[in-house]
């Protein structure tokens, strides 16, 4: 059974799968509303970006996640 998530824009339930091409949004309309909020700077990343290089621990963690995703049979992670 596919996972069900709420659309970030309207909170409508959305099945996470190929039948939902706009996931996590329920529709193209909700996707464009969200994009508009980001482009008008209504949304923002709460933590300022750092100019410091990533630590070795962070790099190792990223490599571990990438290896795990490469092993996943879910085609969503391979496109």
N, C-alpha and C. Protein backbone atom coordinates (compact mmCIF):
# COMPACT_ATOMS: atom_id res chain seq x y z
N UNK A 1 0.84 -1.19 0.00
CA UNK A 1 0.00 0.00 0.00
C UNK A 1 0.89 1.25 0.00
N UNK A 2 0.66 2.16 -0.96
CA UNK A 2 1.48 3.37 -1.02
C UNK A 2 1.25 4.26 0.20
N UNK A 3 2.28 4.99 0.56
CA UNK A 3 2.17 5.93 1.67
C UNK A 3 1.25 7.08 1.27
N UNK A 4 0.60 7.65 2.25
CA UNK A 4 -0.28 8.78 2.01
C UNK A 4 0.28 9.99 2.75
N UNK A 5 0.40 11.10 2.02
CA UNK A 5 0.91 12.34 2.60
C UNK A 5 -0.14 13.44 2.38
N UNK A 6 -0.02 14.51 3.13
CA UNK A 6 -0.91 15.65 2.93
C UNK A 6 -0.24 16.65 2.00
N UNK A 7 -1.02 17.19 1.08
CA UNK A 7 -0.54 18.24 0.18
C UNK A 7 -0.08 19.42 1.04
N UNK A 8 1.14 19.93 0.82
CA UNK A 8 1.63 21.04 1.62
C UNK A 8 0.82 22.33 1.44
N UNK A 9 0.08 22.44 0.36
CA UNK A 9 -0.66 23.66 0.08
C UNK A 9 -2.09 23.61 0.64
N UNK A 10 -2.83 22.53 0.33
CA UNK A 10 -4.25 22.47 0.71
C UNK A 10 -4.57 21.40 1.75
N UNK A 11 -3.57 20.60 2.11
CA UNK A 11 -3.72 19.54 3.12
C UNK A 11 -4.55 18.34 2.67
N UNK A 12 -4.91 18.26 1.39
CA UNK A 12 -5.65 17.11 0.87
C UNK A 12 -4.73 15.90 0.85
N UNK A 13 -5.26 14.72 1.12
CA UNK A 13 -4.46 13.49 1.10
C UNK A 13 -3.99 13.14 -0.30
N UNK A 14 -2.73 12.73 -0.41
CA UNK A 14 -2.13 12.37 -1.70
C UNK A 14 -1.41 11.05 -1.53
N UNK A 15 -1.68 10.07 -2.41
CA UNK A 15 -0.94 8.80 -2.37
C UNK A 15 0.41 9.02 -3.01
N UNK A 16 1.47 8.53 -2.35
CA UNK A 16 2.83 8.69 -2.86
C UNK A 16 3.11 7.56 -3.82
N UNK A 17 2.97 7.83 -5.11
CA UNK A 17 3.21 6.81 -6.12
C UNK A 17 3.12 7.41 -7.50
N UNK A 18 3.34 6.58 -8.52
CA UNK A 18 3.35 7.05 -9.90
C UNK A 18 2.00 7.65 -10.34
N UNK A 19 0.91 7.25 -9.67
CA UNK A 19 -0.40 7.79 -10.03
C UNK A 19 -0.57 9.25 -9.59
N UNK A 20 0.38 9.76 -8.81
CA UNK A 20 0.34 11.14 -8.33
C UNK A 20 1.57 11.90 -8.87
N UNK A 21 1.50 12.40 -10.10
CA UNK A 21 2.68 13.00 -10.72
C UNK A 21 3.16 14.30 -10.07
N UNK A 22 2.32 14.95 -9.27
CA UNK A 22 2.71 16.22 -8.66
C UNK A 22 3.12 16.06 -7.19
N UNK A 23 3.27 14.80 -6.74
CA UNK A 23 3.58 14.56 -5.33
C UNK A 23 4.76 15.38 -4.86
N UNK A 24 4.73 15.94 -3.72
CA UNK A 24 3.77 15.75 -2.64
C UNK A 24 2.52 16.61 -2.78
N UNK A 25 2.39 17.34 -3.88
CA UNK A 25 1.20 18.18 -4.09
C UNK A 25 0.10 17.35 -4.73
N UNK A 26 -1.14 17.78 -4.50
CA UNK A 26 -2.28 17.03 -5.05
C UNK A 26 -2.54 17.39 -6.52
N UNK A 27 -2.07 18.56 -6.95
CA UNK A 27 -2.35 19.01 -8.32
C UNK A 27 -1.29 20.00 -8.79
N UNK A 28 -1.31 20.27 -10.08
CA UNK A 28 -0.41 21.27 -10.65
C UNK A 28 -0.70 22.64 -10.04
N UNK A 29 -1.96 22.93 -9.76
CA UNK A 29 -2.34 24.20 -9.15
C UNK A 29 -1.64 24.40 -7.82
N UNK A 30 -1.70 23.40 -6.94
CA UNK A 30 -1.06 23.51 -5.63
C UNK A 30 0.46 23.61 -5.77
N UNK A 31 1.01 22.90 -6.75
CA UNK A 31 2.45 22.97 -7.00
C UNK A 31 2.86 24.39 -7.41
N UNK A 32 2.06 25.02 -8.27
CA UNK A 32 2.37 26.37 -8.73
C UNK A 32 2.15 27.41 -7.63
N UNK A 33 1.16 27.20 -6.77
CA UNK A 33 0.96 28.10 -5.64
C UNK A 33 2.19 28.09 -4.76
N UNK A 34 2.71 26.89 -4.46
CA UNK A 34 3.91 26.77 -3.63
C UNK A 34 5.11 27.44 -4.30
N UNK A 35 5.28 27.20 -5.59
CA UNK A 35 6.38 27.82 -6.32
C UNK A 35 6.29 29.34 -6.25
N UNK A 36 5.06 29.87 -6.40
CA UNK A 36 4.86 31.31 -6.31
C UNK A 36 5.23 31.87 -4.94
N UNK A 37 4.92 31.10 -3.88
CA UNK A 37 5.29 31.54 -2.53
C UNK A 37 6.80 31.61 -2.37
N UNK A 38 7.52 30.64 -2.93
CA UNK A 38 8.98 30.67 -2.85
C UNK A 38 9.54 31.81 -3.70
N UNK A 39 9.00 32.00 -4.89
CA UNK A 39 9.55 33.05 -5.78
C UNK A 39 9.27 34.45 -5.26
N UNK A 40 8.17 34.63 -4.53
CA UNK A 40 7.88 35.94 -3.95
C UNK A 40 8.53 36.12 -2.58
N UNK A 41 9.30 35.11 -2.18
CA UNK A 41 10.01 35.09 -0.91
C UNK A 41 9.09 35.09 0.30
N UNK A 42 7.84 34.59 0.13
CA UNK A 42 6.96 34.37 1.27
C UNK A 42 7.47 33.20 2.10
N UNK A 43 8.09 32.24 1.44
CA UNK A 43 8.73 31.10 2.11
C UNK A 43 10.23 31.34 2.12
N UNK A 44 10.90 30.82 3.14
CA UNK A 44 12.36 30.93 3.19
C UNK A 44 12.92 29.79 4.03
N UNK A 45 14.19 29.54 3.88
CA UNK A 45 14.90 28.55 4.69
C UNK A 45 15.22 29.22 6.00
N UNK A 46 14.86 28.58 7.11
CA UNK A 46 14.96 29.23 8.41
C UNK A 46 16.39 29.40 8.92
N UNK A 47 17.29 28.55 8.50
CA UNK A 47 18.67 28.63 8.97
C UNK A 47 19.54 29.21 7.87
N UNK A 48 20.31 30.25 8.17
CA UNK A 48 21.19 30.82 7.14
C UNK A 48 22.21 29.79 6.64
N UNK A 49 22.51 29.85 5.37
CA UNK A 49 23.52 28.96 4.81
C UNK A 49 24.89 29.35 5.31
N UNK A 50 25.73 28.38 5.53
CA UNK A 50 27.07 28.62 6.04
C UNK A 50 28.06 28.54 4.89
N UNK A 51 29.11 29.35 4.95
CA UNK A 51 30.17 29.30 3.95
C UNK A 51 31.24 28.29 4.31
N UNK A 52 31.09 27.64 5.48
CA UNK A 52 32.08 26.67 5.91
C UNK A 52 31.97 25.39 5.08
N UNK A 53 33.10 24.77 4.73
CA UNK A 53 33.03 23.51 3.99
C UNK A 53 32.43 22.41 4.87
N UNK A 54 31.84 21.42 4.22
CA UNK A 54 31.26 20.31 4.96
C UNK A 54 32.34 19.54 5.71
N UNK A 55 31.97 19.09 6.87
CA UNK A 55 32.93 18.30 7.65
C UNK A 55 33.02 16.90 7.06
N UNK A 56 34.04 16.16 7.47
CA UNK A 56 34.22 14.78 6.99
C UNK A 56 33.04 13.92 7.41
N UNK A 57 32.50 14.17 8.61
CA UNK A 57 31.35 13.39 9.08
C UNK A 57 30.14 13.61 8.18
N UNK A 58 29.90 14.84 7.78
CA UNK A 58 28.77 15.13 6.91
C UNK A 58 28.96 14.48 5.55
N UNK A 59 30.16 14.52 5.02
CA UNK A 59 30.43 13.90 3.72
C UNK A 59 30.23 12.39 3.78
N UNK A 60 30.68 11.77 4.86
CA UNK A 60 30.50 10.33 5.03
C UNK A 60 29.02 9.99 5.14
N UNK A 61 28.27 10.83 5.84
CA UNK A 61 26.84 10.61 6.00
C UNK A 61 26.13 10.70 4.64
N UNK A 62 26.50 11.68 3.84
CA UNK A 62 25.90 11.84 2.51
C UNK A 62 26.23 10.63 1.63
N UNK A 63 27.45 10.16 1.68
CA UNK A 63 27.83 8.98 0.90
C UNK A 63 27.04 7.76 1.34
N UNK A 64 26.81 7.62 2.64
CA UNK A 64 26.04 6.49 3.17
C UNK A 64 24.60 6.55 2.65
N UNK A 65 24.01 7.73 2.65
CA UNK A 65 22.63 7.88 2.17
C UNK A 65 22.56 7.58 0.67
N UNK A 66 23.53 8.08 -0.11
CA UNK A 66 23.54 7.83 -1.55
C UNK A 66 23.66 6.35 -1.85
N UNK A 67 24.50 5.63 -1.08
CA UNK A 67 24.64 4.19 -1.27
C UNK A 67 23.34 3.47 -0.95
N UNK A 68 22.67 3.90 0.11
CA UNK A 68 21.40 3.29 0.49
C UNK A 68 20.34 3.53 -0.60
N UNK A 69 20.28 4.74 -1.15
CA UNK A 69 19.32 5.04 -2.20
C UNK A 69 19.62 4.27 -3.48
N UNK A 70 20.90 4.06 -3.78
CA UNK A 70 21.28 3.30 -4.98
C UNK A 70 20.80 1.86 -4.88
N UNK A 71 20.75 1.31 -3.67
CA UNK A 71 20.30 -0.07 -3.46
C UNK A 71 18.78 -0.17 -3.48
N UNK A 72 18.08 0.94 -3.31
CA UNK A 72 16.62 0.94 -3.25
C UNK A 72 16.04 0.49 -4.58
N UNK A 73 14.98 -0.29 -4.52
CA UNK A 73 14.31 -0.74 -5.73
C UNK A 73 13.29 0.27 -6.22
N UNK A 74 13.03 1.30 -5.45
CA UNK A 74 12.05 2.32 -5.82
C UNK A 74 12.64 3.20 -6.92
N UNK A 75 12.00 3.25 -8.08
CA UNK A 75 12.52 4.01 -9.21
C UNK A 75 12.48 5.51 -8.97
N UNK A 76 11.74 5.97 -7.97
CA UNK A 76 11.65 7.39 -7.67
C UNK A 76 13.02 7.97 -7.38
N UNK A 77 13.89 7.21 -6.72
CA UNK A 77 15.20 7.69 -6.32
C UNK A 77 16.24 7.56 -7.43
N UNK A 78 15.89 6.94 -8.54
CA UNK A 78 16.88 6.70 -9.59
C UNK A 78 16.68 7.58 -10.81
N UNK A 79 15.65 8.39 -10.82
CA UNK A 79 15.40 9.24 -11.99
C UNK A 79 16.16 10.53 -11.92
